[in-house]
Amino acid sequence: MKVTDMLIGLIIGLAAALTGCFLFIVIFTDYGFTEGFEIMKREGQTGKLITLGAILNLIAFFALLKAKKEIMARGVLLATIILAIATILL
């Protein structure tokens, strides 16, 4: 049960970050998601985009803590750590 809860939290964290990236590109640029992502990638801004997208993980983390789902919240934290490592490597 603990492993599946952590895996669900990891999926929630990655989905929240992807949603955050999508919302950032769609709201703050004049491009669609794929075109905006390609432009960010070409300009070397992918790490910054991932970082801004991960802001939604805060909301997911605290919502899971409030719902007493600590193991899932750990999964969201793990997703944030994975995204931080990806940001450093990019």
PDB file of N, CA and C in Angstrom:
ATOM      1  N   MET A   1       0.820  -1.188   0.000  1.00  0.00           N
ATOM      2  CA  MET A   1       0.000   0.000   0.000  1.00  0.00           C
ATOM      3  C   MET A   1       0.867   1.256   0.000  1.00  0.00           C
ATOM      4  N   LYS A   2       1.976   1.241   0.752  1.00  0.00           N
ATOM      5  CA  LYS A   2       2.826   2.419   0.820  1.00  0.00           C
ATOM      6  C   LYS A   2       3.493   2.706  -0.519  1.00  0.00           C
ATOM      7  N   VAL A   3       3.925   1.644  -1.206  1.00  0.00           N
ATOM      8  CA  VAL A   3       4.605   1.834  -2.486  1.00  0.00           C
ATOM      9  C   VAL A   3       3.634   2.383  -3.523  1.00  0.00           C
ATOM     10  N   THR A   4       2.417   1.869  -3.545  1.00  0.00           N
ATOM     11  CA  THR A   4       1.445   2.365  -4.520  1.00  0.00           C
ATOM     12  C   THR A   4       1.044   3.803  -4.211  1.00  0.00           C
ATOM     13  N   ASP A   5       0.928   4.138  -2.935  1.00  0.00           N
ATOM     14  CA  ASP A   5       0.605   5.522  -2.574  1.00  0.00           C
ATOM     15  C   ASP A   5       1.725   6.472  -2.992  1.00  0.00           C
ATOM     16  N   MET A   6       2.980   6.042  -2.805  1.00  0.00           N
ATOM     17  CA  MET A   6       4.091   6.892  -3.204  1.00  0.00           C
ATOM     18  C   MET A   6       4.133   7.021  -4.726  1.00  0.00           C
ATOM     19  N   LEU A   7       3.844   5.939  -5.434  1.00  0.00           N
ATOM     20  CA  LEU A   7       3.817   5.985  -6.897  1.00  0.00           C
ATOM     21  C   LEU A   7       2.705   6.911  -7.388  1.00  0.00           C
ATOM     22  N   ILE A   8       1.554   6.852  -6.746  1.00  0.00           N
ATOM     23  CA  ILE A   8       0.454   7.756  -7.099  1.00  0.00           C
ATOM     24  C   ILE A   8       0.863   9.204  -6.842  1.00  0.00           C
ATOM     25  N   GLY A   9       1.536   9.460  -5.730  1.00  0.00           N
ATOM     26  CA  GLY A   9       2.028  10.799  -5.432  1.00  0.00           C
ATOM     27  C   GLY A   9       3.049  11.274  -6.454  1.00  0.00           C
ATOM     28  N   LEU A  10       3.920  10.356  -6.895  1.00  0.00           N
ATOM     29  CA  LEU A  10       4.902  10.689  -7.923  1.00  0.00           C
ATOM     30  C   LEU A  10       4.203  11.079  -9.219  1.00  0.00           C
ATOM     31  N   ILE A  11       3.193  10.317  -9.591  1.00  0.00           N
ATOM     32  CA  ILE A  11       2.432  10.620 -10.807  1.00  0.00           C
ATOM     33  C   ILE A  11       1.706  11.958 -10.666  1.00  0.00           C
ATOM     34  N   ILE A  12       1.130  12.204  -9.493  1.00  0.00           N
ATOM     35  CA  ILE A  12       0.456  13.487  -9.249  1.00  0.00           C
ATOM     36  C   ILE A  12       1.456  14.638  -9.378  1.00  0.00           C
ATOM     37  N   GLY A  13       2.640  14.469  -8.814  1.00  0.00           N
ATOM     38  CA  GLY A  13       3.661  15.516  -8.881  1.00  0.00           C
ATOM     39  C   GLY A  13       4.126  15.795 -10.299  1.00  0.00           C
ATOM     40  N   LEU A  14       4.357  14.741 -11.073  1.00  0.00           N
ATOM     41  CA  LEU A  14       4.786  14.936 -12.458  1.00  0.00           C
ATOM     42  C   LEU A  14       3.673  15.537 -13.306  1.00  0.00           C
ATOM     43  N   ALA A  15       2.427  15.093 -13.057  1.00  0.00           N
ATOM     44  CA  ALA A  15       1.289  15.648 -13.793  1.00  0.00           C
ATOM     45  C   ALA A  15       1.071  17.117 -13.440  1.00  0.00           C
ATOM     46  N   ALA A  16       1.244  17.463 -12.177  1.00  0.00           N
ATOM     47  CA  ALA A  16       1.090  18.864 -11.763  1.00  0.00           C
ATOM     48  C   ALA A  16       2.160  19.734 -12.416  1.00  0.00           C
ATOM     49  N   ALA A  17       3.384  19.237 -12.492  1.00  0.00           N
ATOM     50  CA  ALA A  17       4.461  20.004 -13.121  1.00  0.00           C
ATOM     51  C   ALA A  17       4.208  20.170 -14.618  1.00  0.00           C
ATOM     52  N   LEU A  18       3.745  19.115 -15.267  1.00  0.00           N
ATOM     53  CA  LEU A  18       3.430  19.205 -16.692  1.00  0.00           C
ATOM     54  C   LEU A  18       2.287  20.183 -16.928  1.00  0.00           C
ATOM     55  N   THR A  19       1.288  20.142 -16.059  1.00  0.00           N
ATOM     56  CA  THR A  19       0.172  21.083 -16.158  1.00  0.00           C
ATOM     57  C   THR A  19       0.656  22.513 -15.944  1.00  0.00           C
ATOM     58  N   GLY A  20       1.554  22.708 -14.991  1.00  0.00           N
ATOM     59  CA  GLY A  20       2.110  24.038 -14.746  1.00  0.00           C
ATOM     60  C   GLY A  20       2.889  24.563 -15.943  1.00  0.00           C
ATOM     61  N   CYS A  21       3.675  23.695 -16.577  1.00  0.00           N
ATOM     62  CA  CYS A  21       4.408  24.095 -17.786  1.00  0.00           C
ATOM     63  C   CYS A  21       3.440  24.471 -18.899  1.00  0.00           C
ATOM     64  N   PHE A  22       2.413  23.655 -19.067  1.00  0.00           N
ATOM     65  CA  PHE A  22       1.403  23.919 -20.094  1.00  0.00           C
ATOM     66  C   PHE A  22       0.724  25.264 -19.851  1.00  0.00           C
ATOM     67  N   LEU A  23       0.290  25.490 -18.617  1.00  0.00           N
ATOM     68  CA  LEU A  23      -0.395  26.744 -18.294  1.00  0.00           C
ATOM     69  C   LEU A  23       0.519  27.949 -18.479  1.00  0.00           C
ATOM     70  N   PHE A  24       1.776  27.822 -18.095  1.00  0.00           N
ATOM     71  CA  PHE A  24       2.711  28.934 -18.261  1.00  0.00           C
ATOM     72  C   PHE A  24       2.874  29.296 -19.729  1.00  0.00           C
ATOM     73  N   ILE A  25       3.067  28.291 -20.579  1.00  0.00           N
ATOM     74  CA  ILE A  25       3.270  28.565 -22.001  1.00  0.00           C
ATOM     75  C   ILE A  25       2.010  29.145 -22.626  1.00  0.00           C
ATOM     76  N   VAL A  26       0.864  28.563 -22.323  1.00  0.00           N
ATOM     77  CA  VAL A  26      -0.382  29.008 -22.950  1.00  0.00           C
ATOM     78  C   VAL A  26      -0.791  30.401 -22.475  1.00  0.00           C
ATOM     79  N   ILE A  27      -0.633  30.679 -21.182  1.00  0.00           N
ATOM     80  CA  ILE A  27      -1.102  31.957 -20.645  1.00  0.00           C
ATOM     81  C   ILE A  27      -0.118  33.094 -20.930  1.00  0.00           C
ATOM     82  N   PHE A  28       1.166  32.851 -20.782  1.00  0.00           N
ATOM     83  CA  PHE A  28       2.137  33.940 -20.835  1.00  0.00           C
ATOM     84  C   PHE A  28       2.866  34.088 -22.168  1.00  0.00           C
ATOM     85  N   THR A  29       2.571  33.239 -23.143  1.00  0.00           N
ATOM     86  CA  THR A  29       3.164  33.410 -24.468  1.00  0.00           C
ATOM     87  C   THR A  29       2.048  33.448 -25.505  1.00  0.00           C
ATOM     88  N   ASP A  30       2.419  33.816 -26.701  1.00  0.00           N
ATOM     89  CA  ASP A  30       1.444  33.871 -27.794  1.00  0.00           C
ATOM     90  C   ASP A  30       1.449  32.594 -28.626  1.00  0.00           C
ATOM     91  N   TYR A  31       2.061  31.544 -28.134  1.00  0.00           N
ATOM     92  CA  TYR A  31       2.211  30.309 -28.887  1.00  0.00           C
ATOM     93  C   TYR A  31       1.405  29.186 -28.253  1.00  0.00           C
ATOM     94  N   GLY A  32       1.221  28.116 -29.026  1.00  0.00           N
ATOM     95  CA  GLY A  32       0.626  26.908 -28.474  1.00  0.00           C
ATOM     96  C   GLY A  32       1.666  26.166 -27.654  1.00  0.00           C
ATOM     97  N   PHE A  33       1.261  25.052 -27.049  1.00  0.00           N
ATOM     98  CA  PHE A  33       2.172  24.350 -26.143  1.00  0.00           C
ATOM     99  C   PHE A  33       3.393  23.799 -26.865  1.00  0.00           C
ATOM    100  N   THR A  34       3.192  23.069 -27.957  1.00  0.00           N
ATOM    101  CA  THR A  34       4.337  22.443 -28.624  1.00  0.00           C
ATOM    102  C   THR A  34       5.263  23.487 -29.235  1.00  0.00           C
ATOM    103  N   GLU A  35       4.683  24.505 -29.865  1.00  0.00           N
ATOM    104  CA  GLU A  35       5.510  25.548 -30.466  1.00  0.00           C
ATOM    105  C   GLU A  35       6.246  26.347 -29.386  1.00  0.00           C
ATOM    106  N   GLY A  36       5.561  26.673 -28.313  1.00  0.00           N
ATOM    107  CA  GLY A  36       6.188  27.399 -27.211  1.00  0.00           C
ATOM    108  C   GLY A  36       7.296  26.594 -26.555  1.00  0.00           C
ATOM    109  N   PHE A  37       7.072  25.280 -26.401  1.00  0.00           N
ATOM    110  CA  PHE A  37       8.103  24.427 -25.808  1.00  0.00           C
ATOM    111  C   PHE A  37       9.328  24.356 -26.709  1.00  0.00           C
ATOM    112  N   GLU A  38       9.107  24.248 -28.017  1.00  0.00           N
ATOM    113  CA  GLU A  38      10.234  24.204 -28.952  1.00  0.00           C
ATOM    114  C   GLU A  38      11.043  25.499 -28.905  1.00  0.00           C
ATOM    115  N   ILE A  39      10.358  26.630 -28.805  1.00  0.00           N
ATOM    116  CA  ILE A  39      11.058  27.915 -28.717  1.00  0.00           C
ATOM    117  C   ILE A  39      11.863  27.992 -27.421  1.00  0.00           C
ATOM    118  N   MET A  40      11.253  27.577 -26.303  1.00  0.00           N
ATOM    119  CA  MET A  40      11.969  27.584 -25.019  1.00  0.00           C
ATOM    120  C   MET A  40      13.180  26.653 -25.074  1.00  0.00           C
ATOM    121  N   LYS A  41      13.013  25.510 -25.713  1.00  0.00           N
ATOM    122  CA  LYS A  41      14.103  24.550 -25.825  1.00  0.00           C
ATOM    123  C   LYS A  41      15.236  25.125 -26.674  1.00  0.00           C
ATOM    124  N   ARG A  42      14.878  25.762 -27.775  1.00  0.00           N
ATOM    125  CA  ARG A  42      15.871  26.349 -28.665  1.00  0.00           C
ATOM    126  C   ARG A  42      16.656  27.466 -27.970  1.00  0.00           C
ATOM    127  N   GLU A  43      15.986  28.227 -27.115  1.00  0.00           N
ATOM    128  CA  GLU A  43      16.637  29.335 -26.414  1.00  0.00           C
ATOM    129  C   GLU A  43      17.334  28.900 -25.122  1.00  0.00           C
ATOM    130  N   GLY A  44      17.247  27.622 -24.784  1.00  0.00           N
ATOM    131  CA  GLY A  44      17.905  27.120 -23.584  1.00  0.00           C
ATOM    132  C   GLY A  44      17.174  27.463 -22.300  1.00  0.00           C
ATOM    133  N   GLN A  45      15.881  27.652 -22.365  1.00  0.00           N
ATOM    134  CA  GLN A  45      15.077  28.036 -21.206  1.00  0.00           C
ATOM    135  C   GLN A  45      14.270  26.870 -20.631  1.00  0.00           C
ATOM    136  N   THR A  46      14.599  25.645 -21.011  1.00  0.00           N
ATOM    137  CA  THR A  46      13.824  24.490 -20.573  1.00  0.00           C
ATOM    138  C   THR A  46      13.884  24.305 -19.058  1.00  0.00           C
ATOM    139  N   GLY A  47      15.039  24.509 -18.474  1.00  0.00           N
ATOM    140  CA  GLY A  47      15.175  24.371 -17.022  1.00  0.00           C
ATOM    141  C   GLY A  47      14.301  25.352 -16.265  1.00  0.00           C
ATOM    142  N   LYS A  48      14.250  26.573 -16.750  1.00  0.00           N
ATOM    143  CA  LYS A  48      13.404  27.580 -16.111  1.00  0.00           C
ATOM    144  C   LYS A  48      11.930  27.233 -16.270  1.00  0.00           C
ATOM    145  N   LEU A  49      11.575  26.683 -17.427  1.00  0.00           N
ATOM    146  CA  LEU A  49      10.193  26.274 -17.662  1.00  0.00           C
ATOM    147  C   LEU A  49       9.791  25.154 -16.709  1.00  0.00           C
ATOM    148  N   ILE A  50      10.667  24.182 -16.511  1.00  0.00           N
ATOM    149  CA  ILE A  50      10.384  23.083 -15.582  1.00  0.00           C
ATOM    150  C   ILE A  50      10.237  23.614 -14.159  1.00  0.00           C
ATOM    151  N   THR A  51      11.093  24.549 -13.791  1.00  0.00           N
ATOM    152  CA  THR A  51      11.023  25.125 -12.447  1.00  0.00           C
ATOM    153  C   THR A  51       9.711  25.859 -12.224  1.00  0.00           C
ATOM    154  N   LEU A  52       9.296  26.647 -13.193  1.00  0.00           N
ATOM    155  CA  LEU A  52       8.022  27.363 -13.062  1.00  0.00           C
ATOM    156  C   LEU A  52       6.841  26.398 -13.051  1.00  0.00           C
ATOM    157  N   GLY A  53       6.941  25.325 -13.821  1.00  0.00           N
ATOM    158  CA  GLY A  53       5.867  24.335 -13.837  1.00  0.00           C
ATOM    159  C   GLY A  53       5.736  23.591 -12.526  1.00  0.00           C
ATOM    160  N   ALA A  54       6.848  23.440 -11.818  1.00  0.00           N
ATOM    161  CA  ALA A  54       6.832  22.689 -10.560  1.00  0.00           C
ATOM    162  C   ALA A  54       6.190  23.457  -9.411  1.00  0.00           C
ATOM    163  N   ILE A  55       5.839  24.708  -9.624  1.00  0.00           N
ATOM    164  CA  ILE A  55       5.187  25.483  -8.566  1.00  0.00           C
ATOM    165  C   ILE A  55       3.860  24.839  -8.164  1.00  0.00           C
ATOM    166  N   LEU A  56       3.180  24.216  -9.118  1.00  0.00           N
ATOM    167  CA  LEU A  56       1.914  23.556  -8.790  1.00  0.00           C
ATOM    168  C   LEU A  56       2.105  22.371  -7.843  1.00  0.00           C
ATOM    169  N   ASN A  57       3.332  21.864  -7.748  1.00  0.00           N
ATOM    170  CA  ASN A  57       3.591  20.777  -6.803  1.00  0.00           C
ATOM    171  C   ASN A  57       3.387  21.226  -5.358  1.00  0.00           C
ATOM    172  N   LEU A  58       3.607  22.503  -5.088  1.00  0.00           N
ATOM    173  CA  LEU A  58       3.346  23.024  -3.738  1.00  0.00           C
ATOM    174  C   LEU A  58       1.880  22.859  -3.364  1.00  0.00           C
ATOM    175  N   ILE A  59       1.015  23.196  -4.301  1.00  0.00           N
ATOM    176  CA  ILE A  59      -0.423  23.069  -4.048  1.00  0.00           C
ATOM    177  C   ILE A  59      -0.792  21.609  -3.825  1.00  0.00           C
ATOM    178  N   ALA A  60      -0.266  20.727  -4.689  1.00  0.00           N
ATOM    179  CA  ALA A  60      -0.565  19.302  -4.548  1.00  0.00           C
ATOM    180  C   ALA A  60      -0.019  18.758  -3.227  1.00  0.00           C
ATOM    181  N   PHE A  61       1.191  19.158  -2.862  1.00  0.00           N
ATOM    182  CA  PHE A  61       1.816  18.682  -1.631  1.00  0.00           C
ATOM    183  C   PHE A  61       0.991  19.063  -0.407  1.00  0.00           C
ATOM    184  N   PHE A  62       0.634  20.333  -0.296  1.00  0.00           N
ATOM    185  CA  PHE A  62      -0.107  20.775   0.888  1.00  0.00           C
ATOM    186  C   PHE A  62      -1.544  20.257   0.893  1.00  0.00           C
ATOM    187  N   ALA A  63      -2.134  20.067  -0.287  1.00  0.00           N
ATOM    188  CA  ALA A  63      -3.478  19.482  -0.342  1.00  0.00           C
ATOM    189  C   ALA A  63      -3.452  18.038   0.152  1.00  0.00           C
ATOM    190  N   LEU A  64      -2.417  17.291  -0.225  1.00  0.00           N
ATOM    191  CA  LEU A  64      -2.298  15.910   0.240  1.00  0.00           C
ATOM    192  C   LEU A  64      -2.004  15.848   1.736  1.00  0.00           C
ATOM    193  N   LEU A  65      -1.210  16.768   2.243  1.00  0.00           N
ATOM    194  CA  LEU A  65      -0.968  16.800   3.687  1.00  0.00           C
ATOM    195  C   LEU A  65      -2.243  17.119   4.453  1.00  0.00           C
ATOM    196  N   LYS A  66      -3.034  18.044   3.940  1.00  0.00           N
ATOM    197  CA  LYS A  66      -4.281  18.410   4.603  1.00  0.00           C
ATOM    198  C   LYS A  66      -5.264  17.241   4.595  1.00  0.00           C
ATOM    199  N   ALA A  67      -5.209  16.419   3.528  1.00  0.00           N
ATOM    200  CA  ALA A  67      -6.087  15.258   3.423  1.00  0.00           C
ATOM    201  C   ALA A  67      -5.528  14.040   4.162  1.00  0.00           C
ATOM    202  N   LYS A  68      -4.430  14.234   4.910  1.00  0.00           N
ATOM    203  CA  LYS A  68      -3.797  13.161   5.690  1.00  0.00           C
ATOM    204  C   LYS A  68      -3.282  12.020   4.800  1.00  0.00           C
ATOM    205  N   LYS A  69      -2.746  12.376   3.647  1.00  0.00           N
ATOM    206  CA  LYS A  69      -2.141  11.417   2.714  1.00  0.00           C
ATOM    207  C   LYS A  69      -0.633  11.672   2.668  1.00  0.00           C
ATOM    208  N   GLU A  70       0.039  11.394   3.779  1.00  0.00           N
ATOM    209  CA  GLU A  70       1.452  11.731   3.912  1.00  0.00           C
ATOM    210  C   GLU A  70       2.332  10.980   2.916  1.00  0.00           C
ATOM    211  N   ILE A  71       2.015   9.721   2.654  1.00  0.00           N
ATOM    212  CA  ILE A  71       2.841   8.930   1.734  1.00  0.00           C
ATOM    213  C   ILE A  71       2.728   9.485   0.316  1.00  0.00           C
ATOM    214  N   MET A  72       1.517   9.868  -0.089  1.00  0.00           N
ATOM    215  CA  MET A  72       1.347  10.481  -1.411  1.00  0.00           C
ATOM    216  C   MET A  72       2.076  11.817  -1.478  1.00  0.00           C
ATOM    217  N   ALA A  73       2.062  12.560  -0.384  1.00  0.00           N
ATOM    218  CA  ALA A  73       2.788  13.832  -0.340  1.00  0.00           C
ATOM    219  C   ALA A  73       4.288  13.593  -0.500  1.00  0.00           C
ATOM    220  N   ARG A  74       4.792  12.490   0.053  1.00  0.00           N
ATOM    221  CA  ARG A  74       6.200  12.137  -0.148  1.00  0.00           C
ATOM    222  C   ARG A  74       6.479  11.855  -1.621  1.00  0.00           C
ATOM    223  N   GLY A  75       5.522  11.240  -2.308  1.00  0.00           N
ATOM    224  CA  GLY A  75       5.667  10.994  -3.742  1.00  0.00           C
ATOM    225  C   GLY A  75       5.751  12.290  -4.533  1.00  0.00           C
ATOM    226  N   VAL A  76       4.951  13.278  -4.144  1.00  0.00           N
ATOM    227  CA  VAL A  76       5.016  14.591  -4.795  1.00  0.00           C
ATOM    228  C   VAL A  76       6.375  15.226  -4.524  1.00  0.00           C
ATOM    229  N   LEU A  77       6.876  15.077  -3.311  1.00  0.00           N
ATOM    230  CA  LEU A  77       8.202  15.595  -2.976  1.00  0.00           C
ATOM    231  C   LEU A  77       9.279  14.896  -3.803  1.00  0.00           C
ATOM    232  N   LEU A  78       9.141  13.590  -3.998  1.00  0.00           N
ATOM    233  CA  LEU A  78      10.075  12.843  -4.837  1.00  0.00           C
ATOM    234  C   LEU A  78      10.032  13.351  -6.278  1.00  0.00           C
ATOM    235  N   ALA A  79       8.836  13.635  -6.784  1.00  0.00           N
ATOM    236  CA  ALA A  79       8.709  14.191  -8.135  1.00  0.00           C
ATOM    237  C   ALA A  79       9.408  15.541  -8.226  1.00  0.00           C
ATOM    238  N   THR A  80       9.298  16.346  -7.185  1.00  0.00           N
ATOM    239  CA  THR A  80       9.953  17.652  -7.172  1.00  0.00           C
ATOM    240  C   THR A  80      11.472  17.491  -7.177  1.00  0.00           C
ATOM    241  N   ILE A  81      11.978  16.505  -6.446  1.00  0.00           N
ATOM    242  CA  ILE A  81      13.422  16.244  -6.438  1.00  0.00           C
ATOM    243  C   ILE A  81      13.883  15.782  -7.815  1.00  0.00           C
ATOM    244  N   ILE A  82      13.110  14.919  -8.453  1.00  0.00           N
ATOM    245  CA  ILE A  82      13.444  14.457  -9.806  1.00  0.00           C
ATOM    246  C   ILE A  82      13.460  15.633 -10.776  1.00  0.00           C
ATOM    247  N   LEU A  83      12.478  16.518 -10.655  1.00  0.00           N
ATOM    248  CA  LEU A  83      12.437  17.697 -11.524  1.00  0.00           C
ATOM    249  C   LEU A  83      13.613  18.634 -11.254  1.00  0.00           C
ATOM    250  N   ALA A  84      14.032  18.737  -9.999  1.00  0.00           N
ATOM    251  CA  ALA A  84      15.189  19.577  -9.672  1.00  0.00           C
ATOM    252  C   ALA A  84      16.459  19.013 -10.302  1.00  0.00           C
ATOM    253  N   ILE A  85      16.615  17.707 -10.260  1.00  0.00           N
ATOM    254  CA  ILE A  85      17.780  17.075 -10.889  1.00  0.00           C
ATOM    255  C   ILE A  85      17.732  17.266 -12.399  1.00  0.00           C
ATOM    256  N   ALA A  86      16.537  17.131 -12.990  1.00  0.00           N
ATOM    257  CA  ALA A  86      16.392  17.355 -14.432  1.00  0.00           C
ATOM    258  C   ALA A  86      16.723  18.797 -14.793  1.00  0.00           C
ATOM    259  N   THR A  87      16.339  19.729 -13.940  1.00  0.00           N
ATOM    260  CA  THR A  87      16.637  21.141 -14.188  1.00  0.00           C
ATOM    261  C   THR A  87      18.141  21.391 -14.143  1.00  0.00           C
ATOM    262  N   ILE A  88      18.826  20.758 -13.211  1.00  0.00           N
ATOM    263  CA  ILE A  88      20.278  20.923 -13.112  1.00  0.00           C
ATOM    264  C   ILE A  88      20.963  20.343 -14.348  1.00  0.00           C
ATOM    265  N   LEU A  89      20.478  19.203 -14.816  1.00  0.00           N
ATOM    266  CA  LEU A  89      21.099  18.553 -15.966  1.00  0.00           C
ATOM    267  C   LEU A  89      20.802  19.269 -17.274  1.00  0.00           C
ATOM    268  N   LEU A  90      19.690  19.977 -17.335  1.00  0.00           N
ATOM    269  CA  LEU A  90      19.366  20.700 -18.568  1.00  0.00           C
ATOM    270  C   LEU A  90      20.013  22.051 -18.500  1.00  0.00           C
TER     271      LEU A  90
END
